[in-house]
PDB file of all heavy atoms in Angstrom:
ATOM      1  N   VAL A   1      -4.485 -13.180 -37.074  1.00  0.00           N
ATOM      2  CA  VAL A   1      -3.565 -12.885 -35.980  1.00  0.00           C
ATOM      3  C   VAL A   1      -4.190 -13.301 -34.651  1.00  0.00           C
ATOM      4  O   VAL A   1      -5.388 -13.114 -34.429  1.00  0.00           O
ATOM      5  CB  VAL A   1      -3.234 -11.374 -35.932  1.00  0.00           C
ATOM      6  CG1 VAL A   1      -2.323 -11.058 -34.746  1.00  0.00           C
ATOM      7  CG2 VAL A   1      -2.583 -10.925 -37.231  1.00  0.00           C
ATOM      8  N   ARG A   2      -3.332 -13.850 -33.780  1.00  0.00           N
ATOM      9  CA  ARG A   2      -3.757 -14.129 -32.408  1.00  0.00           C
ATOM     10  C   ARG A   2      -2.849 -13.372 -31.444  1.00  0.00           C
ATOM     11  O   ARG A   2      -1.628 -13.428 -31.577  1.00  0.00           O
ATOM     12  CB  ARG A   2      -3.718 -15.620 -32.104  1.00  0.00           C
ATOM     13  CG  ARG A   2      -4.039 -15.933 -30.629  1.00  0.00           C
ATOM     14  CD  ARG A   2      -4.079 -17.433 -30.359  1.00  0.00           C
ATOM     15  NE  ARG A   2      -5.134 -18.048 -31.142  1.00  0.00           N
ATOM     16  CZ  ARG A   2      -5.102 -19.295 -31.594  1.00  0.00           C
ATOM     17  NH1 ARG A   2      -4.059 -20.061 -31.339  1.00  0.00           N
ATOM     18  NH2 ARG A   2      -6.100 -19.779 -32.302  1.00  0.00           N
ATOM     19  N   VAL A   3      -3.482 -12.688 -30.480  1.00  0.00           N
ATOM     20  CA  VAL A   3      -2.739 -12.007 -29.424  1.00  0.00           C
ATOM     21  C   VAL A   3      -3.225 -12.539 -28.087  1.00  0.00           C
ATOM     22  O   VAL A   3      -4.424 -12.488 -27.786  1.00  0.00           O
ATOM     23  CB  VAL A   3      -2.921 -10.479 -29.479  1.00  0.00           C
ATOM     24  CG1 VAL A   3      -2.187  -9.810 -28.312  1.00  0.00           C
ATOM     25  CG2 VAL A   3      -2.400  -9.935 -30.810  1.00  0.00           C
ATOM     26  N   THR A   4      -2.293 -13.059 -27.308  1.00  0.00           N
ATOM     27  CA  THR A   4      -2.599 -13.602 -25.983  1.00  0.00           C
ATOM     28  C   THR A   4      -1.802 -12.841 -24.933  1.00  0.00           C
ATOM     29  O   THR A   4      -0.590 -12.664 -25.085  1.00  0.00           O
ATOM     30  CB  THR A   4      -2.234 -15.096 -25.904  1.00  0.00           C
ATOM     31  OG1 THR A   4      -2.892 -15.808 -26.955  1.00  0.00           O
ATOM     32  CG2 THR A   4      -2.630 -15.682 -24.558  1.00  0.00           C
ATOM     33  N   LEU A   5      -2.477 -12.395 -23.893  1.00  0.00           N
ATOM     34  CA  LEU A   5      -1.781 -11.733 -22.801  1.00  0.00           C
ATOM     35  C   LEU A   5      -1.160 -12.770 -21.879  1.00  0.00           C
ATOM     36  O   LEU A   5      -1.690 -13.875 -21.716  1.00  0.00           O
ATOM     37  CB  LEU A   5      -2.735 -10.841 -22.008  1.00  0.00           C
ATOM     38  CG  LEU A   5      -3.424  -9.710 -22.788  1.00  0.00           C
ATOM     39  CD1 LEU A   5      -4.199  -8.813 -21.825  1.00  0.00           C
ATOM     40  CD2 LEU A   5      -2.431  -8.889 -23.592  1.00  0.00           C
ATOM     41  N   THR A   6      -0.062 -12.413 -21.249  1.00  0.00           N
ATOM     42  CA  THR A   6       0.552 -13.281 -20.254  1.00  0.00           C
ATOM     43  C   THR A   6      -0.181 -13.122 -18.925  1.00  0.00           C
ATOM     44  O   THR A   6      -0.989 -12.203 -18.742  1.00  0.00           O
ATOM     45  CB  THR A   6       2.023 -12.909 -20.052  1.00  0.00           C
ATOM     46  OG1 THR A   6       2.099 -11.585 -19.490  1.00  0.00           O
ATOM     47  CG2 THR A   6       2.783 -12.934 -21.367  1.00  0.00           C
ATOM     48  N   ARG A   7       0.105 -14.005 -17.974  1.00  0.00           N
ATOM     49  CA  ARG A   7      -0.517 -13.873 -16.654  1.00  0.00           C
ATOM     50  C   ARG A   7      -0.120 -12.544 -16.010  1.00  0.00           C
ATOM     51  O   ARG A   7      -0.939 -11.890 -15.369  1.00  0.00           O
ATOM     52  CB  ARG A   7      -0.122 -15.046 -15.761  1.00  0.00           C
ATOM     53  CG  ARG A   7      -0.680 -14.983 -14.351  1.00  0.00           C
ATOM     54  CD  ARG A   7      -2.205 -14.899 -14.316  1.00  0.00           C
ATOM     55  NE  ARG A   7      -2.840 -16.073 -14.893  1.00  0.00           N
ATOM     56  CZ  ARG A   7      -4.167 -16.231 -14.978  1.00  0.00           C
ATOM     57  NH1 ARG A   7      -4.992 -15.283 -14.528  1.00  0.00           N
ATOM     58  NH2 ARG A   7      -4.675 -17.330 -15.513  1.00  0.00           N
ATOM     59  N   GLN A   8       1.136 -12.127 -16.192  1.00  0.00           N
ATOM     60  CA  GLN A   8       1.563 -10.846 -15.640  1.00  0.00           C
ATOM     61  C   GLN A   8       0.769  -9.691 -16.257  1.00  0.00           C
ATOM     62  O   GLN A   8       0.411  -8.724 -15.576  1.00  0.00           O
ATOM     63  CB  GLN A   8       3.063 -10.636 -15.875  1.00  0.00           C
ATOM     64  CG  GLN A   8       3.966 -11.488 -15.007  1.00  0.00           C
ATOM     65  CD  GLN A   8       3.982 -12.951 -15.438  1.00  0.00           C
ATOM     66  OE1 GLN A   8       3.686 -13.272 -16.600  1.00  0.00           O
ATOM     67  NE2 GLN A   8       4.308 -13.855 -14.518  1.00  0.00           N
ATOM     68  N   GLN A   9       0.472  -9.802 -17.559  1.00  0.00           N
ATOM     69  CA  GLN A   9      -0.280  -8.737 -18.225  1.00  0.00           C
ATOM     70  C   GLN A   9      -1.749  -8.730 -17.838  1.00  0.00           C
ATOM     71  O   GLN A   9      -2.453  -7.747 -18.095  1.00  0.00           O
ATOM     72  CB  GLN A   9      -0.112  -8.873 -19.743  1.00  0.00           C
ATOM     73  CG  GLN A   9       1.285  -8.487 -20.207  1.00  0.00           C
ATOM     74  CD  GLN A   9       1.581  -8.891 -21.636  1.00  0.00           C
ATOM     75  OE1 GLN A   9       0.910  -9.752 -22.222  1.00  0.00           O
ATOM     76  NE2 GLN A   9       2.613  -8.293 -22.229  1.00  0.00           N
ATOM     77  N   MET A  10      -2.218  -9.789 -17.198  1.00  0.00           N
ATOM     78  CA  MET A  10      -3.584  -9.797 -16.675  1.00  0.00           C
ATOM     79  C   MET A  10      -3.735  -8.787 -15.528  1.00  0.00           C
ATOM     80  O   MET A  10      -4.847  -8.499 -15.081  1.00  0.00           O
ATOM     81  CB  MET A  10      -3.968 -11.194 -16.190  1.00  0.00           C
ATOM     82  CG  MET A  10      -4.009 -12.248 -17.280  1.00  0.00           C
ATOM     83  SD  MET A  10      -5.433 -12.102 -18.372  1.00  0.00           S
ATOM     84  CE  MET A  10      -6.719 -12.780 -17.328  1.00  0.00           C
ATOM     85  N   PHE A  11      -2.619  -8.265 -15.047  1.00  0.00           N
ATOM     86  CA  PHE A  11      -2.633  -7.245 -14.003  1.00  0.00           C
ATOM     87  C   PHE A  11      -2.464  -5.841 -14.587  1.00  0.00           C
ATOM     88  O   PHE A  11      -2.216  -4.891 -13.839  1.00  0.00           O
ATOM     89  CB  PHE A  11      -1.516  -7.507 -12.994  1.00  0.00           C
ATOM     90  CG  PHE A  11      -1.751  -8.699 -12.104  1.00  0.00           C
ATOM     91  CD1 PHE A  11      -1.566  -9.990 -12.572  1.00  0.00           C
ATOM     92  CD2 PHE A  11      -2.153  -8.531 -10.781  1.00  0.00           C
ATOM     93  CE1 PHE A  11      -1.771 -11.097 -11.754  1.00  0.00           C
ATOM     94  CE2 PHE A  11      -2.371  -9.628  -9.959  1.00  0.00           C
ATOM     95  CZ  PHE A  11      -2.175 -10.916 -10.443  1.00  0.00           C
ATOM     96  N   THR A  12      -2.595  -5.700 -15.903  1.00  0.00           N
ATOM     97  CA  THR A  12      -2.342  -4.402 -16.543  1.00  0.00           C
ATOM     98  C   THR A  12      -3.603  -3.755 -17.104  1.00  0.00           C
ATOM     99  O   THR A  12      -3.524  -2.874 -17.943  1.00  0.00           O
ATOM    100  CB  THR A  12      -1.304  -4.558 -17.667  1.00  0.00           C
ATOM    101  OG1 THR A  12      -1.822  -5.432 -18.684  1.00  0.00           O
ATOM    102  CG2 THR A  12       0.011  -5.117 -17.143  1.00  0.00           C
ATOM    103  N   PHE A  13      -4.759  -4.215 -16.635  1.00  0.00           N
ATOM    104  CA  PHE A  13      -5.997  -3.507 -16.982  1.00  0.00           C
ATOM    105  C   PHE A  13      -6.886  -3.488 -15.756  1.00  0.00           C
ATOM    106  O   PHE A  13      -6.398  -3.375 -14.640  1.00  0.00           O
ATOM    107  CB  PHE A  13      -6.672  -4.087 -18.240  1.00  0.00           C
ATOM    108  CG  PHE A  13      -6.836  -5.576 -18.243  1.00  0.00           C
ATOM    109  CD1 PHE A  13      -7.973  -6.153 -17.702  1.00  0.00           C
ATOM    110  CD2 PHE A  13      -5.875  -6.408 -18.804  1.00  0.00           C
ATOM    111  CE1 PHE A  13      -8.151  -7.530 -17.708  1.00  0.00           C
ATOM    112  CE2 PHE A  13      -6.043  -7.785 -18.822  1.00  0.00           C
ATOM    113  CZ  PHE A  13      -7.181  -8.344 -18.265  1.00  0.00           C
ATOM    114  N   GLY A  14      -8.190  -3.570 -15.901  1.00  0.00           N
ATOM    115  CA  GLY A  14      -9.111  -3.293 -14.802  1.00  0.00           C
ATOM    116  C   GLY A  14      -8.937  -4.140 -13.557  1.00  0.00           C
ATOM    117  O   GLY A  14      -8.447  -5.259 -13.600  1.00  0.00           O
ATOM    118  N   HIS A  15      -9.376  -3.592 -12.433  1.00  0.00           N
ATOM    119  CA  HIS A  15      -9.251  -4.242 -11.132  1.00  0.00           C
ATOM    120  C   HIS A  15     -10.325  -3.686 -10.196  1.00  0.00           C
ATOM    121  O   HIS A  15     -10.932  -2.656 -10.477  1.00  0.00           O
ATOM    122  CB  HIS A  15      -7.868  -3.973 -10.546  1.00  0.00           C
ATOM    123  CG  HIS A  15      -7.541  -2.502 -10.454  1.00  0.00           C
ATOM    124  ND1 HIS A  15      -6.890  -1.822 -11.463  1.00  0.00           N
ATOM    125  CD2 HIS A  15      -7.797  -1.589  -9.486  1.00  0.00           C
ATOM    126  CE1 HIS A  15      -6.756  -0.552 -11.123  1.00  0.00           C
ATOM    127  NE2 HIS A  15      -7.300  -0.381  -9.932  1.00  0.00           N
ATOM    128  N   ARG A  16     -10.533  -4.388  -9.074  1.00  0.00           N
ATOM    129  CA  ARG A  16     -11.397  -3.825  -8.036  1.00  0.00           C
ATOM    130  C   ARG A  16     -10.603  -2.724  -7.332  1.00  0.00           C
ATOM    131  O   ARG A  16      -9.479  -2.959  -6.868  1.00  0.00           O
ATOM    132  CB  ARG A  16     -11.815  -4.898  -7.032  1.00  0.00           C
ATOM    133  CG  ARG A  16     -12.984  -4.445  -6.142  1.00  0.00           C
ATOM    134  CD  ARG A  16     -13.233  -5.362  -4.951  1.00  0.00           C
ATOM    135  NE  ARG A  16     -13.553  -6.736  -5.279  1.00  0.00           N
ATOM    136  CZ  ARG A  16     -14.758  -7.181  -5.622  1.00  0.00           C
ATOM    137  NH1 ARG A  16     -15.758  -6.333  -5.712  1.00  0.00           N
ATOM    138  NH2 ARG A  16     -14.962  -8.470  -5.873  1.00  0.00           N
ATOM    139  N   PRO A  17     -11.169  -1.518  -7.241  1.00  0.00           N
ATOM    140  CA  PRO A  17     -10.366  -0.405  -6.736  1.00  0.00           C
ATOM    141  C   PRO A  17     -10.182  -0.435  -5.222  1.00  0.00           C
ATOM    142  O   PRO A  17     -11.060  -0.880  -4.478  1.00  0.00           O
ATOM    143  CB  PRO A  17     -11.192   0.827  -7.143  1.00  0.00           C
ATOM    144  CG  PRO A  17     -12.607   0.322  -7.174  1.00  0.00           C
ATOM    145  CD  PRO A  17     -12.511  -1.094  -7.663  1.00  0.00           C
ATOM    146  N   ALA A  18      -9.019   0.049  -4.783  1.00  0.00           N
ATOM    147  CA  ALA A  18      -8.809   0.274  -3.357  1.00  0.00           C
ATOM    148  C   ALA A  18      -9.839   1.288  -2.868  1.00  0.00           C
ATOM    149  O   ALA A  18     -10.182   2.236  -3.575  1.00  0.00           O
ATOM    150  CB  ALA A  18      -7.399   0.788  -3.119  1.00  0.00           C
ATOM    151  N   THR A  19     -10.333   1.093  -1.665  1.00  0.00           N
ATOM    152  CA  THR A  19     -11.395   1.951  -1.134  1.00  0.00           C
ATOM    153  C   THR A  19     -11.189   2.167   0.356  1.00  0.00           C
ATOM    154  O   THR A  19     -10.828   1.250   1.086  1.00  0.00           O
ATOM    155  CB  THR A  19     -12.786   1.322  -1.373  1.00  0.00           C
ATOM    156  OG1 THR A  19     -12.938   1.021  -2.764  1.00  0.00           O
ATOM    157  CG2 THR A  19     -13.902   2.271  -0.970  1.00  0.00           C
ATOM    158  N   ILE A  20     -11.422   3.406   0.790  1.00  0.00           N
ATOM    159  CA  ILE A  20     -11.377   3.779   2.203  1.00  0.00           C
ATOM    160  C   ILE A  20     -12.782   4.218   2.602  1.00  0.00           C
ATOM    161  O   ILE A  20     -13.360   5.108   1.967  1.00  0.00           O
ATOM    162  CB  ILE A  20     -10.379   4.927   2.448  1.00  0.00           C
ATOM    163  CG1 ILE A  20      -8.976   4.528   1.957  1.00  0.00           C
ATOM    164  CG2 ILE A  20     -10.342   5.307   3.925  1.00  0.00           C
ATOM    165  CD1 ILE A  20      -8.016   5.702   1.886  1.00  0.00           C
ATOM    166  N   GLN A  21     -13.333   3.600   3.623  1.00  0.00           N
ATOM    167  CA  GLN A  21     -14.693   3.920   4.058  1.00  0.00           C
ATOM    168  C   GLN A  21     -14.708   4.366   5.517  1.00  0.00           C
ATOM    169  O   GLN A  21     -13.934   3.865   6.334  1.00  0.00           O
ATOM    170  CB  GLN A  21     -15.610   2.700   3.904  1.00  0.00           C
ATOM    171  CG  GLN A  21     -15.718   2.191   2.480  1.00  0.00           C
ATOM    172  CD  GLN A  21     -16.582   0.946   2.384  1.00  0.00           C
ATOM    173  OE1 GLN A  21     -17.801   0.997   2.543  1.00  0.00           O
ATOM    174  NE2 GLN A  21     -15.951  -0.181   2.119  1.00  0.00           N
ATOM    175  N   THR A  22     -15.617   5.282   5.814  1.00  0.00           N
ATOM    176  CA  THR A  22     -15.865   5.702   7.184  1.00  0.00           C
ATOM    177  C   THR A  22     -17.339   5.499   7.482  1.00  0.00           C
ATOM    178  O   THR A  22     -18.193   5.938   6.700  1.00  0.00           O
ATOM    179  CB  THR A  22     -15.496   7.180   7.396  1.00  0.00           C
ATOM    180  OG1 THR A  22     -14.124   7.372   7.031  1.00  0.00           O
ATOM    181  CG2 THR A  22     -15.689   7.582   8.854  1.00  0.00           C
ATOM    182  N   LEU A  23     -17.616   4.812   8.573  1.00  0.00           N
ATOM    183  CA  LEU A  23     -18.999   4.559   8.970  1.00  0.00           C
ATOM    184  C   LEU A  23     -19.248   5.089  10.368  1.00  0.00           C
ATOM    185  O   LEU A  23     -18.396   4.950  11.257  1.00  0.00           O
ATOM    186  CB  LEU A  23     -19.316   3.066   8.942  1.00  0.00           C
ATOM    187  CG  LEU A  23     -19.876   2.589   7.591  1.00  0.00           C
ATOM    188  CD1 LEU A  23     -18.978   1.569   6.981  1.00  0.00           C
ATOM    189  CD2 LEU A  23     -21.273   2.050   7.768  1.00  0.00           C
ATOM    190  N   GLY A  24     -20.418   5.678  10.547  1.00  0.00           N
ATOM    191  CA  GLY A  24     -20.865   6.094  11.862  1.00  0.00           C
ATOM    192  C   GLY A  24     -22.272   5.585  12.105  1.00  0.00           C
ATOM    193  O   GLY A  24     -23.155   5.744  11.257  1.00  0.00           O
ATOM    194  N   LEU A  25     -22.495   4.920  13.239  1.00  0.00           N
ATOM    195  CA  LEU A  25     -23.812   4.406  13.606  1.00  0.00           C
ATOM    196  C   LEU A  25     -24.148   4.892  15.010  1.00  0.00           C
ATOM    197  O   LEU A  25     -23.318   4.774  15.924  1.00  0.00           O
ATOM    198  CB  LEU A  25     -23.836   2.876  13.584  1.00  0.00           C
ATOM    199  CG  LEU A  25     -23.734   2.187  12.223  1.00  0.00           C
ATOM    200  CD1 LEU A  25     -23.534   0.683  12.409  1.00  0.00           C
ATOM    201  CD2 LEU A  25     -24.970   2.454  11.388  1.00  0.00           C
TER     202      LEU A  25
END
């Protein structure tokens, strides 16, 4: 059996997460 994901399904697993940062110097 071969299973191939579509390009759209390439967006249905891991990703770089959104992040909110606060810096004080």
